[in-house]
Amino acid sequence: MDVGGPLLTVESSNLWSNRKVRLAVFEDRVELTTRNLIGNTTESVRYEQMAGLRVDDDVFYADLVIETRGGGRLLARGLRKKQAREAEELIRRCSSGERSWPDVVST
């Protein structure tokens, strides 16, 4: 059930990743959409399915890694460092059950 639009949306840099990714943080889940040569692939994980969350910094950009309880992984490559940290913080707040949602943000 879709409660509303995303609370935060971030996209990978065109310079870093050969496949553009879009990460959307919702009240109940995180969605990762990868643009492929033919169409898009969207993966979704609910907060209760998450087993781990981290940001891996590179020299210029960062990767946001979400590990699932079933052994899967969502990888948002080539995000700006500030955007990756903002997404990580919001995902942690949402997954902890905190219900003081921020205004909708798109960066």
C-alpha atoms as a PDB file:
ATOM      1  CA  MET A   1       0.000   0.000   0.000  1.00  0.00           C
ATOM      2  CA  ASP A   2       1.433   3.336  -1.067  1.00  0.00           C
ATOM      3  CA  VAL A   3       0.965   5.842   1.771  1.00  0.00           C
ATOM      4  CA  GLY A   4       2.191   8.737  -0.344  1.00  0.00           C
ATOM      5  CA  GLY A   5       5.045   9.916  -2.471  1.00  0.00           C
ATOM      6  CA  PRO A   6       8.691   9.471  -1.579  1.00  0.00           C
ATOM      7  CA  LEU A   7      10.092  11.384   1.392  1.00  0.00           C
ATOM      8  CA  LEU A   8      13.462  11.644  -0.364  1.00  0.00           C
ATOM      9  CA  THR A   9      14.675  10.915  -3.883  1.00  0.00           C
ATOM     10  CA  VAL A  10      18.335  10.829  -4.948  1.00  0.00           C
ATOM     11  CA  GLU A  11      19.957   9.894  -8.254  1.00  0.00           C
ATOM     12  CA  SER A  12      23.415   8.748  -9.215  1.00  0.00           C
ATOM     13  CA  SER A  13      25.788  11.044 -11.021  1.00  0.00           C
ATOM     14  CA  ASN A  14      25.995  10.624 -14.780  1.00  0.00           C
ATOM     15  CA  LEU A  15      29.775  10.908 -14.558  1.00  0.00           C
ATOM     16  CA  TRP A  16      30.268   8.042 -12.140  1.00  0.00           C
ATOM     17  CA  SER A  17      27.849   5.287 -13.020  1.00  0.00           C
ATOM     18  CA  ASN A  18      27.260   3.832 -16.471  1.00  0.00           C
ATOM     19  CA  ARG A  19      23.760   2.851 -15.309  1.00  0.00           C
ATOM     20  CA  LYS A  20      21.718   5.617 -13.753  1.00  0.00           C
ATOM     21  CA  VAL A  21      20.090   4.701 -10.434  1.00  0.00           C
ATOM     22  CA  ARG A  22      17.296   6.420  -8.541  1.00  0.00           C
ATOM     23  CA  LEU A  23      16.805   5.750  -4.830  1.00  0.00           C
ATOM     24  CA  ALA A  24      13.437   6.676  -3.330  1.00  0.00           C
ATOM     25  CA  VAL A  25      12.790   6.550   0.426  1.00  0.00           C
ATOM     26  CA  PHE A  26       9.145   6.042   1.423  1.00  0.00           C
ATOM     27  CA  GLU A  27       7.499   5.792   4.850  1.00  0.00           C
ATOM     28  CA  ASP A  28       7.359   1.988   4.629  1.00  0.00           C
ATOM     29  CA  ARG A  29      10.092   0.991   2.158  1.00  0.00           C
ATOM     30  CA  VAL A  30      13.038   1.917  -0.046  1.00  0.00           C
ATOM     31  CA  GLU A  31      12.910   1.554  -3.834  1.00  0.00           C
ATOM     32  CA  LEU A  32      15.917   1.378  -6.144  1.00  0.00           C
ATOM     33  CA  THR A  33      15.290   1.888  -9.851  1.00  0.00           C
ATOM     34  CA  THR A  34      18.103   1.106 -12.283  1.00  0.00           C
ATOM     35  CA  ARG A  35      17.909   2.417 -15.827  1.00  0.00           C
ATOM     36  CA  ASN A  36      18.983  -0.312 -18.247  1.00  0.00           C
ATOM     37  CA  LEU A  37      19.521  -0.276 -22.011  1.00  0.00           C
ATOM     38  CA  ILE A  38      15.969  -1.535 -22.457  1.00  0.00           C
ATOM     39  CA  GLY A  39      13.635  -0.335 -19.717  1.00  0.00           C
ATOM     40  CA  ASN A  40      14.070  -0.005 -15.977  1.00  0.00           C
ATOM     41  CA  THR A  41      14.405  -2.459 -13.107  1.00  0.00           C
ATOM     42  CA  THR A  42      12.851  -1.522  -9.758  1.00  0.00           C
ATOM     43  CA  GLU A  43      13.668  -3.329  -6.531  1.00  0.00           C
ATOM     44  CA  SER A  44      11.901  -2.623  -3.259  1.00  0.00           C
ATOM     45  CA  VAL A  45      12.666  -3.549   0.336  1.00  0.00           C
ATOM     46  CA  ARG A  46      10.497  -2.887   3.374  1.00  0.00           C
ATOM     47  CA  TYR A  47      12.216  -1.671   6.548  1.00  0.00           C
ATOM     48  CA  GLU A  48      11.423  -4.832   8.503  1.00  0.00           C
ATOM     49  CA  GLN A  49      13.293  -6.839   5.816  1.00  0.00           C
ATOM     50  CA  MET A  50      16.538  -4.851   6.252  1.00  0.00           C
ATOM     51  CA  ALA A  51      19.505  -6.448   7.972  1.00  0.00           C
ATOM     52  CA  GLY A  52      22.140  -3.789   7.334  1.00  0.00           C
ATOM     53  CA  LEU A  53      22.728  -0.321   5.945  1.00  0.00           C
ATOM     54  CA  ARG A  54      25.979   1.463   5.162  1.00  0.00           C
ATOM     55  CA  VAL A  55      27.555   4.149   3.016  1.00  0.00           C
ATOM     56  CA  ASP A  56      30.839   3.305   1.288  1.00  0.00           C
ATOM     57  CA  ASP A  57      32.753   6.484   0.421  1.00  0.00           C
ATOM     58  CA  ASP A  58      34.904   6.752  -2.664  1.00  0.00           C
ATOM     59  CA  VAL A  59      37.119   9.691  -3.592  1.00  0.00           C
ATOM     60  CA  PHE A  60      34.331  11.670  -5.256  1.00  0.00           C
ATOM     61  CA  TYR A  61      31.113   9.730  -4.735  1.00  0.00           C
ATOM     62  CA  ALA A  62      29.509   7.221  -2.379  1.00  0.00           C
ATOM     63  CA  ASP A  63      27.597   3.962  -2.610  1.00  0.00           C
ATOM     64  CA  LEU A  64      24.600   3.244  -0.388  1.00  0.00           C
ATOM     65  CA  VAL A  65      24.342  -0.470   0.432  1.00  0.00           C
ATOM     66  CA  ILE A  66      21.190  -2.049   1.901  1.00  0.00           C
ATOM     67  CA  GLU A  67      21.481  -5.683   3.001  1.00  0.00           C
ATOM     68  CA  THR A  68      18.305  -7.740   3.428  1.00  0.00           C
ATOM     69  CA  ARG A  69      17.474 -10.506   5.892  1.00  0.00           C
ATOM     70  CA  GLY A  70      17.165 -12.968   3.001  1.00  0.00           C
ATOM     71  CA  GLY A  71      20.757 -12.358   1.908  1.00  0.00           C
ATOM     72  CA  GLY A  72      19.933  -9.927  -0.902  1.00  0.00           C
ATOM     73  CA  ARG A  73      21.438  -6.519  -1.452  1.00  0.00           C
ATOM     74  CA  LEU A  74      20.382  -3.217  -2.970  1.00  0.00           C
ATOM     75  CA  LEU A  75      23.287  -1.105  -4.195  1.00  0.00           C
ATOM     76  CA  ALA A  76      22.904   2.546  -5.147  1.00  0.00           C
ATOM     77  CA  ARG A  77      26.218   3.396  -6.827  1.00  0.00           C
ATOM     78  CA  GLY A  78      27.633   6.801  -7.629  1.00  0.00           C
ATOM     79  CA  LEU A  79      25.586   9.028  -5.312  1.00  0.00           C
ATOM     80  CA  ARG A  80      26.872  12.363  -4.122  1.00  0.00           C
ATOM     81  CA  LYS A  81      28.284  11.891  -0.627  1.00  0.00           C
ATOM     82  CA  LYS A  82      25.884  14.362   0.982  1.00  0.00           C
ATOM     83  CA  GLN A  83      22.876  12.703  -0.672  1.00  0.00           C
ATOM     84  CA  ALA A  84      24.023   9.226   0.403  1.00  0.00           C
ATOM     85  CA  ARG A  85      24.359  10.397   4.033  1.00  0.00           C
ATOM     86  CA  GLU A  86      20.950  12.110   3.963  1.00  0.00           C
ATOM     87  CA  ALA A  87      19.330   8.950   2.572  1.00  0.00           C
ATOM     88  CA  GLU A  88      21.107   6.783   5.159  1.00  0.00           C
ATOM     89  CA  GLU A  89      19.925   9.016   8.010  1.00  0.00           C
ATOM     90  CA  LEU A  90      16.325   9.059   6.782  1.00  0.00           C
ATOM     91  CA  ILE A  91      16.278   5.281   6.233  1.00  0.00           C
ATOM     92  CA  ARG A  92      17.578   4.747   9.774  1.00  0.00           C
ATOM     93  CA  ARG A  93      14.882   7.060  11.176  1.00  0.00           C
ATOM     94  CA  CYS A  94      12.115   5.381   9.185  1.00  0.00           C
ATOM     95  CA  SER A  95      13.270   1.862  10.034  1.00  0.00           C
ATOM     96  CA  SER A  96      13.434   2.679  13.743  1.00  0.00           C
ATOM     97  CA  GLY A  97       9.724   3.507  13.734  1.00  0.00           C
ATOM     98  CA  GLU A  98      10.172   7.249  14.199  1.00  0.00           C
ATOM     99  CA  ARG A  99       7.042   8.860  12.850  1.00  0.00           C
ATOM    100  CA  SER A 100       8.001  12.520  12.614  1.00  0.00           C
ATOM    101  CA  TRP A 101       8.349  12.565   8.833  1.00  0.00           C
ATOM    102  CA  PRO A 102      10.180  15.463   7.217  1.00  0.00           C
ATOM    103  CA  ASP A 103       8.754  17.470   4.350  1.00  0.00           C
ATOM    104  CA  VAL A 104       9.096  15.733   1.005  1.00  0.00           C
ATOM    105  CA  VAL A 105      12.569  16.420  -0.395  1.00  0.00           C
ATOM    106  CA  SER A 106      13.923  15.824  -3.882  1.00  0.00           C
ATOM    107  CA  THR A 107      17.612  16.376  -4.560  1.00  0.00           C
END
